N, C-alpha and C. Protein backbone atom coordinates (compact mmCIF):
# COMPACT_ATOMS: atom_id res chain seq x y z
N MET A 1 4.47 -2.66 13.56
CA MET A 1 5.07 -3.99 13.35
C MET A 1 5.08 -4.05 11.76
N LYS A 2 4.12 -3.86 11.02
CA LYS A 2 4.17 -3.95 9.53
C LYS A 2 5.12 -3.04 8.84
N SER A 3 5.48 -1.98 9.52
CA SER A 3 6.51 -1.05 8.82
C SER A 3 7.83 -1.80 8.76
N LYS A 4 8.11 -2.55 9.87
CA LYS A 4 9.43 -3.22 10.03
C LYS A 4 9.48 -4.33 8.93
N ARG A 5 8.38 -4.94 8.70
CA ARG A 5 8.25 -6.09 7.78
C ARG A 5 8.45 -5.43 6.23
N PHE A 6 7.91 -4.35 6.11
CA PHE A 6 8.17 -3.77 4.89
C PHE A 6 9.43 -3.20 4.48
N THR A 7 10.25 -2.83 5.59
CA THR A 7 11.63 -2.47 5.40
C THR A 7 12.52 -3.59 4.82
N ILE A 8 11.89 -4.78 5.06
CA ILE A 8 12.78 -6.00 4.47
C ILE A 8 12.24 -6.30 3.00
N VAL A 9 10.84 -6.23 2.96
CA VAL A 9 10.21 -6.65 1.71
C VAL A 9 10.57 -5.68 0.48
N ILE A 10 10.46 -4.47 0.72
CA ILE A 10 10.72 -3.46 -0.51
C ILE A 10 12.14 -3.56 -1.00
N PRO A 11 13.14 -3.60 -0.21
CA PRO A 11 14.58 -3.76 -0.70
C PRO A 11 14.76 -5.04 -1.63
N ILE A 12 14.06 -6.13 -1.12
CA ILE A 12 14.11 -7.39 -1.83
C ILE A 12 13.40 -7.22 -3.18
N MET A 13 12.27 -6.81 -3.23
CA MET A 13 11.61 -6.41 -4.44
C MET A 13 12.48 -5.67 -5.38
N ILE A 14 13.15 -4.69 -4.89
CA ILE A 14 14.01 -3.77 -5.73
C ILE A 14 15.10 -4.47 -6.36
N ILE A 15 15.84 -5.23 -5.55
CA ILE A 15 16.88 -6.04 -5.90
C ILE A 15 16.39 -7.19 -7.04
N VAL A 16 15.47 -7.77 -6.82
CA VAL A 16 14.82 -8.67 -7.72
C VAL A 16 14.47 -8.12 -9.11
N LEU A 17 13.93 -6.86 -8.95
CA LEU A 17 13.55 -6.22 -10.10
C LEU A 17 14.74 -5.79 -10.96
N ALA A 18 15.77 -5.42 -10.36
CA ALA A 18 16.90 -4.79 -10.97
C ALA A 18 17.79 -6.02 -11.68
N ILE A 19 17.71 -7.21 -11.01
CA ILE A 19 18.51 -8.36 -11.50
C ILE A 19 17.78 -8.97 -12.57
N ALA A 20 16.35 -8.90 -12.48
CA ALA A 20 15.61 -9.38 -13.47
C ALA A 20 15.74 -8.61 -14.93
N ILE A 21 15.69 -7.29 -14.68
CA ILE A 21 15.87 -6.55 -15.95
C ILE A 21 17.29 -6.64 -16.46
N TRP A 22 18.32 -6.82 -15.64
CA TRP A 22 19.74 -7.01 -16.04
C TRP A 22 19.82 -8.23 -16.83
N MET A 23 19.29 -9.44 -16.25
CA MET A 23 19.28 -10.69 -17.00
C MET A 23 18.60 -10.78 -18.21
N LEU A 24 17.36 -10.31 -18.22
CA LEU A 24 16.62 -10.21 -19.51
C LEU A 24 17.22 -9.35 -20.53
N ASN A 25 17.90 -8.30 -20.25
CA ASN A 25 18.63 -7.53 -21.17
C ASN A 25 19.91 -8.27 -21.76
N LYS A 26 20.52 -8.99 -20.77
CA LYS A 26 21.74 -9.59 -21.19
C LYS A 26 21.43 -10.93 -22.01
N ASP A 27 20.51 -11.67 -21.58
CA ASP A 27 20.25 -13.05 -22.24
C ASP A 27 19.10 -13.04 -23.36
N PHE A 28 18.35 -12.09 -23.20
CA PHE A 28 17.10 -12.28 -24.18
C PHE A 28 16.99 -10.85 -24.89
N GLN A 29 17.79 -10.46 -25.78
CA GLN A 29 17.69 -9.22 -26.45
C GLN A 29 16.60 -9.06 -27.34
N GLU A 30 16.15 -10.18 -27.83
CA GLU A 30 15.14 -10.24 -28.89
C GLU A 30 13.78 -9.99 -28.47
N ILE A 31 13.45 -9.96 -26.98
CA ILE A 31 12.30 -9.73 -26.51
C ILE A 31 12.01 -8.19 -26.44
N GLN A 32 10.83 -7.69 -26.70
CA GLN A 32 10.46 -6.37 -26.54
C GLN A 32 10.66 -5.78 -25.18
N LEU A 33 10.93 -4.45 -24.97
CA LEU A 33 11.16 -3.91 -23.75
C LEU A 33 9.89 -3.92 -22.71
N GLY A 34 8.71 -3.79 -23.37
CA GLY A 34 7.59 -3.85 -22.55
C GLY A 34 7.28 -5.24 -21.93
N ILE A 35 7.62 -6.43 -22.71
CA ILE A 35 7.38 -7.66 -22.20
C ILE A 35 8.53 -7.84 -21.18
N LYS A 36 9.60 -7.32 -21.35
CA LYS A 36 10.71 -7.54 -20.19
C LYS A 36 10.27 -6.81 -18.96
N LEU A 37 9.69 -5.64 -19.14
CA LEU A 37 9.44 -4.90 -17.82
C LEU A 37 8.13 -5.68 -17.24
N ILE A 38 7.19 -6.17 -17.92
CA ILE A 38 6.18 -6.98 -17.24
C ILE A 38 6.68 -8.18 -16.51
N ILE A 39 7.54 -8.99 -17.20
CA ILE A 39 8.28 -10.21 -16.57
C ILE A 39 8.92 -9.61 -15.28
N ALA A 40 9.72 -8.56 -15.23
CA ALA A 40 10.50 -8.24 -14.16
C ALA A 40 9.58 -7.64 -13.03
N ILE A 41 8.50 -6.91 -13.46
CA ILE A 41 7.71 -6.58 -12.33
C ILE A 41 6.88 -7.66 -11.79
N GLY A 42 6.53 -8.63 -12.47
CA GLY A 42 5.91 -9.83 -11.96
C GLY A 42 6.68 -10.53 -11.07
N ALA A 43 8.09 -10.81 -11.43
CA ALA A 43 9.01 -11.26 -10.50
C ALA A 43 9.17 -10.61 -9.22
N ALA A 44 9.37 -9.18 -9.33
CA ALA A 44 9.43 -8.40 -8.14
C ALA A 44 8.11 -8.57 -7.17
N LEU A 45 7.03 -8.56 -7.80
CA LEU A 45 5.85 -8.72 -6.94
C LEU A 45 5.85 -10.08 -6.39
N PHE A 46 6.08 -11.07 -7.09
CA PHE A 46 5.98 -12.43 -6.62
C PHE A 46 7.07 -12.62 -5.39
N SER A 47 8.37 -12.13 -5.62
CA SER A 47 9.27 -12.27 -4.49
C SER A 47 8.84 -11.50 -3.26
N GLY A 48 8.27 -10.20 -3.56
CA GLY A 48 7.73 -9.52 -2.45
C GLY A 48 6.60 -10.31 -1.54
N ALA A 49 5.83 -10.82 -2.39
CA ALA A 49 4.64 -11.61 -1.51
C ALA A 49 5.26 -12.87 -0.83
N ILE A 50 6.14 -13.45 -1.35
CA ILE A 50 6.80 -14.59 -0.69
C ILE A 50 7.53 -14.13 0.48
N SER A 51 8.40 -13.12 0.37
CA SER A 51 9.10 -12.56 1.45
C SER A 51 8.03 -12.01 2.52
N TYR A 52 7.05 -11.52 2.27
CA TYR A 52 6.22 -10.90 3.17
C TYR A 52 5.61 -12.14 4.03
N ILE A 53 5.20 -13.29 3.32
CA ILE A 53 4.67 -14.28 3.96
C ILE A 53 5.73 -15.02 4.84
N LEU A 54 6.93 -15.01 4.45
CA LEU A 54 7.96 -15.91 5.12
C LEU A 54 8.63 -15.17 6.21
N PHE A 55 8.76 -13.86 6.15
CA PHE A 55 9.29 -13.09 7.39
C PHE A 55 8.13 -12.98 8.48
N PRO A 56 8.48 -13.32 9.67
CA PRO A 56 7.52 -13.34 10.67
C PRO A 56 7.21 -12.00 11.03
N GLU A 57 5.81 -11.86 11.41
CA GLU A 57 5.42 -10.48 11.77
C GLU A 57 5.66 -10.16 13.17
N ASN A 58 5.53 -11.10 14.04
CA ASN A 58 5.84 -10.69 15.57
C ASN A 58 7.03 -11.67 16.11
N GLU A 59 8.07 -11.33 15.54
CA GLU A 59 9.29 -12.08 15.84
C GLU A 59 9.76 -11.64 17.28
N GLU A 60 9.61 -10.51 17.58
CA GLU A 60 10.13 -10.03 18.90
C GLU A 60 9.35 -10.75 20.02
N LYS A 61 7.92 -10.90 19.82
CA LYS A 61 7.09 -11.53 20.79
C LYS A 61 7.56 -13.06 20.99
N LYS A 62 7.87 -13.77 19.83
CA LYS A 62 8.33 -15.15 20.00
C LYS A 62 9.59 -15.22 20.80
N ARG A 63 10.46 -14.21 20.46
CA ARG A 63 11.80 -14.30 21.16
C ARG A 63 11.76 -14.04 22.75
N SER A 64 10.81 -13.37 23.16
CA SER A 64 10.71 -12.95 24.64
C SER A 64 10.18 -13.96 25.43
N ARG A 65 9.56 -15.07 24.88
CA ARG A 65 8.94 -16.14 25.71
C ARG A 65 9.97 -17.17 26.14
């Protein structure tokens, strides 16, 4: 079950990381690259944690009832 959950969480984290890096490069060019990466990685981890919590683990069991 957990592998199915991670198949949703990992792509969300990658998409958030890519968009965060793109937005930081576009709008905040004066910030150093290391700080941008820390912010983007934090955003990806935060979105991954939220999506892990919000996506139900046993969705199939609830639907069968």
